[in-house]
């Protein structure tokens, strides 16, 4: 099958690689010439575990190509997947649809023969109707259907999730489109559940899923606060909760709050849509407010220790919003860092993958270290903000030897508390 993918970010690029690996001919389109030039030269523009090897393999085979030409990506495609960004509006927090609509308008003139246009970007309910209207206005003779094909790829696990999905959701109002997509996903028959639903239901499923998971994270963080005051162990509590099949054990890890390119954006967009429709979604509204407040609370924990020292120096381990990715968008780590920058402390930071992206956000406001131990040099407080596996294996005696004062605030519970305290640290973590 011939597939065009518009957008080469954290959704479009892994999806393009995945569909090519399944044997399809894929052309990825992006209007950023520098990005396309890098991809054409075999250089990945994002970091994802497992992506590089599969990317190189399919580029060499000729099944995966890149272009800045919408015409080249669309005119011979059986399916065109829209995977551009829908960033939040700076004031209303609603999803900004300008890139979706611009893509629809541009591709309309190049449609040849029957084509399925699939929205894989996370879009408000009713977007499929609007995309259909735009294409129809631009090209009244086009033979096409618009479907919703929501992505459920976790950053850091995108390749794994592509080939091992919990479910595949197809939102198609046309039997013809449904049949084509069933063919596209034929390799998954018998391996995962494929749900055929109305287009608007599909658009809602993505938001409803992410909002629920965000609320689950916020809930366990509130329970962690309770455990700290009540003398309970949040991991024992989470285990007891998670063994209930109605609750499940996933997304019950305490931390500094949810973040990334999806949960903050999608919960805010869901809340905006609810207000637009006159529906009360107070659980989501409360989770949004509580999650925002949690980043400040976590920064306050660091400042409470740092203020004991004159010209305090804080070492920060982790800047990406989660391990396995270099993405700093809506990263709790970066939000805590930015909160700390408002106060009289200096920050020396390290992340194994996200340093460049962090630098784009805050520039020279931070000192950038070469590794964990370099970050710890002269520090009064060391803070762990992203759950990279290597941070669990720190040489604590070496860290202690590099620091000026011996305080660790572990907001990801990466270290064993007994080991840290036996090494002479004042050690704080979450929910214990």
Protein backbone atom coordinates (compact mmCIF):
# COMPACT_ATOMS: atom_id res chain seq x y z
CA UNK A 1 0.00 0.00 0.00
CA UNK A 2 1.19 3.55 -0.72
CA UNK A 3 1.08 5.86 2.30
CA UNK A 4 1.78 9.55 2.61
CA UNK A 5 2.46 10.95 6.09
CA UNK A 6 2.29 14.69 6.67
CA UNK A 7 4.48 15.63 9.63
CA UNK A 8 7.71 14.04 10.84
CA UNK A 9 7.58 14.60 14.58
CA UNK A 10 7.15 12.20 17.49
CA UNK A 11 4.02 10.70 15.88
CA UNK A 12 4.66 10.95 12.14
CA UNK A 13 8.21 9.64 12.04
CA UNK A 14 7.75 6.49 14.18
CA UNK A 15 4.48 5.78 12.36
CA UNK A 16 6.18 6.15 8.98
CA UNK A 17 8.98 3.82 10.02
CA UNK A 18 6.47 1.32 11.40
CA UNK A 19 4.28 1.24 8.29
CA UNK A 20 7.36 0.87 6.09
CA UNK A 21 8.54 -2.05 8.23
CA UNK A 22 5.18 -3.70 7.55
CA UNK A 23 6.01 -3.60 3.82
CA UNK A 24 4.24 -0.42 2.71
CA UNK A 25 5.76 2.31 0.55
CA UNK A 26 5.86 5.41 2.73
CA UNK A 27 6.64 9.02 1.86
CA UNK A 28 6.90 11.41 4.80
CA UNK A 29 6.24 15.08 4.08
CA UNK A 30 7.40 18.04 6.14
CA UNK A 31 7.67 21.75 5.30
CA UNK A 32 10.93 22.08 7.24
CA UNK A 33 13.69 21.71 4.61
CA UNK A 34 16.47 21.30 7.20
CA UNK A 35 14.63 18.43 8.87
CA UNK A 36 13.91 16.70 5.56
CA UNK A 37 17.51 17.15 4.41
CA UNK A 38 18.74 15.50 7.61
CA UNK A 39 16.31 12.59 7.25
CA UNK A 40 17.28 12.11 3.60
CA UNK A 41 20.89 11.87 4.75
CA UNK A 42 19.95 9.16 7.22
CA UNK A 43 20.04 11.35 10.32
CA UNK A 44 17.20 11.02 12.81
CA UNK A 45 15.69 14.27 14.04
CA UNK A 46 14.21 12.83 17.25
CA UNK A 47 15.37 10.22 19.73
CA UNK A 48 13.25 7.13 20.32
CA UNK A 49 14.44 3.80 21.65
CA UNK A 50 14.65 1.27 18.81
CA UNK A 51 13.87 3.80 16.08
CA UNK A 52 17.30 4.24 14.51
CA UNK A 53 17.91 0.67 13.35
CA UNK A 54 14.48 0.31 11.77
CA UNK A 55 14.74 3.77 10.22
CA UNK A 56 18.07 2.96 8.52
CA UNK A 57 16.82 -0.41 7.34
CA UNK A 58 13.72 0.97 5.61
CA UNK A 59 15.47 3.98 4.10
CA UNK A 60 18.03 1.63 2.54
CA UNK A 61 15.28 -0.64 1.23
CA UNK A 62 13.60 2.30 -0.48
CA UNK A 63 10.30 1.77 1.35
CA UNK A 64 10.74 4.97 3.38
CA UNK A 65 11.33 8.34 1.71
CA UNK A 66 11.19 11.98 2.74
CA UNK A 67 10.20 15.12 0.88
CA UNK A 68 9.11 18.73 1.30
CA UNK A 69 6.70 18.29 -1.63
CA UNK A 70 3.08 17.74 -0.66
CA UNK A 71 2.40 16.75 -4.28
CA UNK A 72 4.98 13.97 -4.13
CA UNK A 73 3.64 12.64 -0.86
CA UNK A 74 -0.05 12.73 -1.76
CA UNK A 75 -0.77 12.24 -5.45
CA UNK A 76 -0.18 8.47 -5.61
CA UNK A 77 -1.14 7.61 -2.03
CA UNK A 78 -3.89 5.23 -1.05
CA UNK A 79 -3.85 6.70 2.45
CA UNK A 80 -2.63 10.11 3.60
CA UNK A 81 -2.01 10.35 7.34
CA UNK A 82 -2.04 13.79 8.94
CA UNK A 83 0.38 13.83 11.88
CA UNK A 84 1.13 17.52 12.40
CA UNK A 85 1.12 19.33 15.72
CA UNK A 86 -1.97 20.64 17.52
CA UNK A 87 -0.29 22.81 20.17
CA UNK A 88 -2.37 24.48 22.88
CA UNK A 89 -3.53 28.05 22.34
CA UNK A 90 -1.51 30.23 24.75
CA UNK A 91 -4.62 31.72 26.33
CA UNK A 92 -7.61 29.42 25.91
CA UNK A 93 -5.56 26.17 25.92
CA UNK A 94 -7.75 24.82 23.11
CA UNK A 95 -6.02 22.81 20.39
CA UNK A 96 -4.56 25.04 17.69
CA UNK A 97 -5.82 23.60 14.42
CA UNK A 98 -4.02 25.85 11.95
CA UNK A 99 -1.50 23.17 10.89
CA UNK A 100 -4.19 20.53 10.37
CA UNK A 101 -6.33 22.83 8.26
CA UNK A 102 -3.34 24.13 6.28
CA UNK A 103 -2.30 20.55 5.48
CA UNK A 104 -5.82 19.66 4.37
CA UNK A 105 -6.04 22.73 2.15
CA UNK A 106 -2.68 22.10 0.51
CA UNK A 107 -3.12 18.38 -0.11
CA UNK A 108 -6.60 18.74 -1.61
CA UNK A 109 -5.31 19.84 -5.02
CA UNK A 110 -3.08 16.76 -5.36
CA UNK A 111 -5.58 14.00 -4.62
CA UNK A 112 -5.74 11.49 -7.49
CA UNK A 113 -8.14 8.56 -7.39
CA UNK A 114 -9.80 7.33 -4.23
CA UNK A 115 -7.83 8.38 -1.13
CA UNK A 116 -8.41 7.99 2.58
CA UNK A 117 -7.35 11.02 4.64
CA UNK A 118 -6.61 9.88 8.18
CA UNK A 119 -6.29 12.28 11.10
CA UNK A 120 -3.68 10.74 13.40
CA UNK A 121 -2.99 14.01 15.19
CA UNK A 122 -5.00 14.47 18.37
CA UNK A 123 -7.84 16.70 17.24
CA UNK A 124 -11.04 18.12 18.76
CA UNK A 125 -14.32 16.36 18.13
CA UNK A 126 -15.68 17.46 14.78
CA UNK A 127 -12.30 18.02 13.13
CA UNK A 128 -12.98 15.28 10.60
CA UNK A 129 -16.06 17.19 9.45
CA UNK A 130 -14.04 20.38 9.03
CA UNK A 131 -11.20 18.65 7.14
CA UNK A 132 -13.74 17.05 4.83
CA UNK A 133 -15.33 20.46 4.21
CA UNK A 134 -11.97 22.10 3.46
CA UNK A 135 -10.93 19.42 0.95
CA UNK A 136 -14.34 19.47 -0.71
CA UNK A 137 -14.16 23.25 -1.13
CA UNK A 138 -10.65 23.09 -2.60
CA UNK A 139 -11.28 20.13 -4.87
CA UNK A 140 -14.99 19.41 -5.47
CA UNK A 141 -14.20 16.46 -7.72
CA UNK A 142 -11.92 14.65 -5.28
CA UNK A 143 -12.81 11.06 -4.43
CA UNK A 144 -11.93 10.67 -0.75
CA UNK A 145 -13.03 9.88 2.79
CA UNK A 146 -11.79 11.42 6.02
CA UNK A 147 -11.29 9.11 8.99
CA UNK A 148 -10.02 9.39 12.54
CA UNK A 149 -7.05 7.16 13.30
CA UNK A 150 -5.87 8.19 16.79
CA UNK A 151 -2.35 7.32 17.88
CA UNK A 152 -1.59 5.71 21.22
CA UNK A 153 2.20 5.72 21.03
CA UNK A 154 4.03 6.43 24.27
CA UNK A 155 7.12 8.54 23.78
CA UNK A 156 10.14 6.44 24.59
CA UNK A 157 8.20 3.30 23.60
CA UNK A 158 6.75 4.42 20.26
CA UNK A 159 8.23 1.62 18.17
CA UNK A 160 7.25 -1.04 20.69
CA UNK A 161 3.73 0.38 20.93
CA UNK A 162 3.36 0.55 17.15
CA UNK A 163 3.91 -3.19 16.83
CA UNK A 164 2.23 -4.14 20.12
CA UNK A 165 -0.83 -1.90 20.39
CA UNK A 166 -3.42 -2.35 23.15
CA UNK A 167 -6.03 -1.56 20.52
CA UNK A 168 -6.40 0.03 17.10
CA UNK A 169 -9.25 2.51 16.72
CA UNK A 170 -10.70 3.24 13.29
CA UNK A 171 -13.21 6.08 13.16
CA UNK A 172 -14.79 5.77 9.72
CA UNK A 173 -18.25 6.74 8.58
CA UNK A 174 -17.71 5.02 5.21
CA UNK A 175 -17.59 1.27 4.58
CA UNK A 176 -15.17 1.88 1.72
CA UNK A 177 -12.71 3.67 4.01
CA UNK A 178 -13.17 1.08 6.71
CA UNK A 179 -12.29 -1.72 4.30
CA UNK A 180 -9.09 0.04 3.19
CA UNK A 181 -7.96 0.55 6.77
CA UNK A 182 -8.79 -3.03 7.67
CA UNK A 183 -6.39 -4.00 4.89
CA UNK A 184 -3.73 -1.62 6.23
CA UNK A 185 -3.95 -3.21 9.67
CA UNK A 186 -4.31 -6.78 8.44
CA UNK A 187 -0.93 -7.75 10.01
CA UNK A 188 -2.51 -7.12 13.43
CA UNK A 189 -5.54 -9.35 12.91
CA UNK A 190 -5.77 -11.85 15.75
CA UNK A 191 -3.05 -10.02 17.70
CA UNK A 192 -4.94 -7.00 18.95
CA UNK A 193 -8.47 -5.67 19.10
CA UNK A 194 -9.46 -3.45 16.17
CA UNK A 195 -12.36 -1.18 17.04
CA UNK A 196 -14.53 0.26 14.28
CA UNK A 197 -16.44 3.26 15.58
CA UNK A 198 -18.00 6.51 14.42
CA UNK A 199 -15.54 9.23 13.47
CA UNK A 200 -16.59 11.52 16.32
CA UNK A 201 -16.39 8.64 18.80
CA UNK A 202 -12.84 7.95 17.66
CA UNK A 203 -11.88 11.60 18.11
CA UNK A 204 -13.30 11.48 21.64
CA UNK A 205 -11.60 8.18 22.60
CA UNK A 206 -8.13 9.71 22.38
CA UNK A 207 -8.98 12.65 24.64
CA UNK A 208 -11.00 10.56 27.07
CA UNK A 209 -8.16 8.04 27.39
CA UNK A 210 -5.43 10.61 28.02
CA UNK A 211 -7.57 12.59 30.45
CA UNK A 212 -8.31 9.45 32.45
CA UNK A 213 -4.64 8.47 32.65
CA UNK A 214 -3.69 12.01 33.67
CA UNK A 215 -6.27 11.91 36.45
CA UNK A 216 -4.90 8.54 37.58
CA UNK A 217 -1.39 10.00 37.84
CA UNK A 218 -2.65 13.02 39.76
CA UNK A 219 -4.59 10.75 42.11
CA UNK A 220 -1.57 8.61 43.01
CA UNK A 221 0.46 11.77 43.61
CA UNK A 222 -2.18 13.00 46.03
CA UNK A 223 -2.06 9.60 47.75
CA UNK A 224 1.73 9.92 47.93
CA UNK A 225 1.32 13.20 49.80
CA UNK A 226 -1.11 11.48 52.17
CA UNK A 227 1.29 8.59 52.74
CA UNK A 228 4.11 10.95 53.64
CA UNK A 229 1.98 12.51 56.39
CA UNK A 230 0.27 9.31 57.53
CA UNK A 231 3.37 7.11 57.69
CA UNK A 232 2.26 4.75 54.93
CA UNK A 233 4.33 3.48 51.99
CA UNK A 234 2.94 4.66 48.64
CA UNK A 235 4.36 1.61 46.82
CA UNK A 236 2.60 -0.78 49.17
CA UNK A 237 -0.58 1.26 48.75
CA UNK A 238 -0.23 1.34 44.95
CA UNK A 239 0.40 -2.40 44.84
CA UNK A 240 -2.70 -3.03 46.93
CA UNK A 241 -4.73 -0.82 44.63
CA UNK A 242 -3.25 -2.15 41.40
CA UNK A 243 -4.07 -5.79 42.13
CA UNK A 244 -7.74 -4.80 41.82
CA UNK A 245 -8.54 -5.60 38.18
CA UNK A 246 -10.96 -2.67 38.10
CA UNK A 247 -8.08 -0.27 38.80
CA UNK A 248 -4.97 -1.90 37.30
CA UNK A 249 -1.36 -1.35 38.29
CA UNK A 250 -0.24 0.97 35.48
CA UNK A 251 0.08 4.73 35.97
CA UNK A 252 0.31 4.34 39.74
CA UNK A 253 3.91 5.53 40.09
CA UNK A 254 4.27 8.69 42.18
CA UNK A 255 6.38 11.54 40.88
CA UNK A 256 6.54 15.25 40.15
CA UNK A 257 3.37 15.29 38.06
CA UNK A 258 2.33 14.34 34.55
CA UNK A 259 3.81 16.14 31.56
CA UNK A 260 4.93 15.72 27.98
CA UNK A 261 3.37 16.70 24.70
CA UNK A 262 0.08 14.84 25.28
CA UNK A 263 -1.42 14.81 28.77
CA UNK A 264 -1.20 18.55 29.60
CA UNK A 265 -2.32 19.55 26.10
CA UNK A 266 -5.09 17.00 25.86
CA UNK A 267 -6.57 17.54 29.33
CA UNK A 268 -6.73 21.28 28.67
CA UNK A 269 -8.25 20.74 25.23
CA UNK A 270 -10.82 18.31 26.68
CA UNK A 271 -11.76 20.84 29.36
CA UNK A 272 -12.10 23.57 26.72
CA UNK A 273 -14.35 21.38 24.55
CA UNK A 274 -16.50 20.55 27.59
CA UNK A 275 -17.00 24.23 28.38
CA UNK A 276 -17.86 24.82 24.73
CA UNK A 277 -20.52 22.09 24.86
CA UNK A 278 -21.75 23.22 28.29
CA UNK A 279 -20.65 20.01 30.04
CA UNK A 280 -19.16 19.93 33.56
CA UNK A 281 -15.89 17.96 33.63
CA UNK A 282 -14.82 19.01 37.11
CA UNK A 283 -12.61 15.92 37.66
CA UNK A 284 -10.44 16.90 34.71
CA UNK A 285 -10.42 20.57 35.71
CA UNK A 286 -9.29 19.63 39.23
CA UNK A 287 -6.54 17.33 37.93
CA UNK A 288 -5.21 20.11 35.69
CA UNK A 289 -5.09 22.59 38.56
CA UNK A 290 -3.57 20.09 40.97
CA UNK A 291 -0.92 18.98 38.49
CA UNK A 292 0.15 22.57 37.85
CA UNK A 293 0.41 23.17 41.59
CA UNK A 294 2.45 20.01 42.08
CA UNK A 295 5.39 21.32 40.04
CA UNK A 296 5.55 24.34 42.36
CA UNK A 297 5.27 22.10 45.41
CA UNK A 298 8.18 19.97 44.16
CA UNK A 299 10.30 23.05 43.53
CA UNK A 300 9.48 24.24 47.05
CA UNK A 301 10.84 20.98 48.45
CA UNK A 302 14.16 21.70 46.78
CA UNK A 303 14.19 25.33 47.86
CA UNK A 304 13.42 24.38 51.46
CA UNK A 305 16.76 22.55 51.59
CA UNK A 306 18.71 24.90 49.32
CA UNK A 307 17.86 28.02 51.35
CA UNK A 308 20.01 26.70 54.19
CA UNK A 309 23.08 27.54 52.14
CA UNK A 310 24.49 30.82 50.90
CA UNK A 311 24.67 30.97 47.09
CA UNK A 312 23.17 27.51 46.92
CA UNK A 313 24.08 25.24 44.05
CA UNK A 314 21.62 22.64 42.84
CA UNK A 315 22.53 19.69 40.62
CA UNK A 316 19.67 18.50 38.41
CA UNK A 317 19.61 15.02 36.88
CA UNK A 318 17.01 14.72 34.15
CA UNK A 319 15.40 17.28 31.85
CA UNK A 320 13.28 15.21 29.44
CA UNK A 321 9.70 14.66 30.51
CA UNK A 322 10.38 10.91 30.72
CA UNK A 323 13.14 8.42 30.02
CA UNK A 324 13.63 7.05 26.52
CA UNK A 325 13.03 10.38 24.77
CA UNK A 326 14.69 13.75 24.26
CA UNK A 327 11.38 15.61 24.40
CA UNK A 328 11.23 18.53 26.85
CA UNK A 329 7.78 19.80 25.91
CA UNK A 330 5.72 20.32 29.08
CA UNK A 331 8.39 18.39 30.96
CA UNK A 332 7.82 18.39 34.73
CA UNK A 333 11.59 18.50 35.08
CA UNK A 334 11.84 21.67 32.99
CA UNK A 335 8.88 23.25 34.77
CA UNK A 336 10.53 22.61 38.13
CA UNK A 337 13.83 23.94 36.79
CA UNK A 338 12.12 27.11 35.58
CA UNK A 339 10.49 27.54 38.98
CA UNK A 340 13.87 27.18 40.68
CA UNK A 341 15.36 29.78 38.35
CA UNK A 342 13.03 32.35 39.90
CA UNK A 343 15.02 32.06 43.13
CA UNK A 344 18.58 32.72 44.23
CA UNK A 345 20.09 29.36 43.32
CA UNK A 346 22.41 28.25 40.53
CA UNK A 347 21.60 25.12 38.56
CA UNK A 348 23.97 22.65 36.93
CA UNK A 349 22.08 20.08 34.89
CA UNK A 350 22.55 16.81 33.04
CA UNK A 351 20.33 14.64 30.86
CA UNK A 352 21.64 11.82 28.64
CA UNK A 353 19.48 12.82 25.66
CA UNK A 354 17.63 16.11 26.22
CA UNK A 355 20.38 18.70 26.80
CA UNK A 356 20.05 20.27 23.35
CA UNK A 357 16.28 20.61 23.58
CA UNK A 358 16.51 22.01 27.10
CA UNK A 359 19.05 24.57 25.92
CA UNK A 360 16.60 25.71 23.23
CA UNK A 361 14.07 26.46 25.97
CA UNK A 362 16.20 28.21 28.60
CA UNK A 363 19.57 28.85 26.99
CA UNK A 364 22.44 29.96 29.19
CA UNK A 365 20.32 30.27 32.32
CA UNK A 366 21.65 26.82 33.19
CA UNK A 367 25.09 25.28 33.44
CA UNK A 368 25.27 22.10 31.35
CA UNK A 369 27.32 19.21 32.74
CA UNK A 370 29.02 16.34 30.92
CA UNK A 371 27.58 13.61 33.13
CA UNK A 372 25.96 12.96 36.51
CA UNK A 373 29.16 13.38 38.46
CA UNK A 374 30.11 16.57 36.68
CA UNK A 375 26.66 17.95 37.52
CA UNK A 376 27.21 17.17 41.21
CA UNK A 377 30.46 19.16 41.51
CA UNK A 378 30.16 21.66 44.36
CA UNK A 379 26.41 21.08 44.71
CA UNK A 380 24.52 21.55 47.95
CA UNK A 381 21.49 19.64 46.71
CA UNK A 382 21.14 16.95 44.03
CA UNK A 383 17.69 16.53 42.49
CA UNK A 384 16.55 13.61 40.31
CA UNK A 385 13.77 14.70 37.96
CA UNK A 386 13.67 12.13 35.12
CA UNK A 387 13.69 8.35 35.57
CA UNK A 388 16.66 7.44 33.37
CA UNK A 389 17.85 3.99 34.42
CA UNK A 390 21.45 5.10 34.83
CA UNK A 391 20.41 7.40 37.68
CA UNK A 392 19.41 4.34 39.72
CA UNK A 393 23.00 3.10 39.48
CA UNK A 394 24.79 6.19 40.73
CA UNK A 395 28.06 5.66 42.55
CA UNK A 396 26.88 7.39 45.72
CA UNK A 397 30.32 7.67 47.26
CA UNK A 398 31.61 9.34 44.11
CA UNK A 399 28.62 11.67 44.09
CA UNK A 400 29.20 12.50 47.74
CA UNK A 401 32.85 13.24 47.04
CA UNK A 402 31.85 15.75 44.36
CA UNK A 403 29.23 17.63 46.42
CA UNK A 404 29.68 20.46 48.90
CA UNK A 405 26.74 19.40 51.08
CA UNK A 406 25.05 16.02 51.05
CA UNK A 407 21.37 16.35 50.17
CA UNK A 408 19.48 14.28 47.60
CA UNK A 409 15.87 15.00 46.68
CA UNK A 410 14.73 12.09 44.54
CA UNK A 411 11.44 13.03 42.89
CA UNK A 412 11.43 9.80 40.86
CA UNK A 413 12.30 7.38 43.70
CA UNK A 414 15.22 6.04 41.70
CA UNK A 415 17.55 5.30 44.60
CA UNK A 416 17.25 2.90 47.51
CA UNK A 417 16.72 5.06 50.56
CA UNK A 418 18.86 2.88 52.84
CA UNK A 419 21.78 3.01 50.40
CA UNK A 420 21.57 6.80 50.13
CA UNK A 421 21.35 7.32 53.87
CA UNK A 422 24.12 4.83 54.59
CA UNK A 423 26.30 6.81 52.17
CA UNK A 424 25.80 9.85 54.38
CA UNK A 425 23.05 11.68 52.50
CA UNK A 426 20.04 13.53 53.77
CA UNK A 427 17.67 11.73 51.40
CA UNK A 428 14.11 12.67 50.49
CA UNK A 429 11.81 10.88 48.07
CA UNK A 430 8.10 10.71 47.22
CA UNK A 431 5.39 8.98 49.22
CA UNK A 432 7.57 7.25 51.82
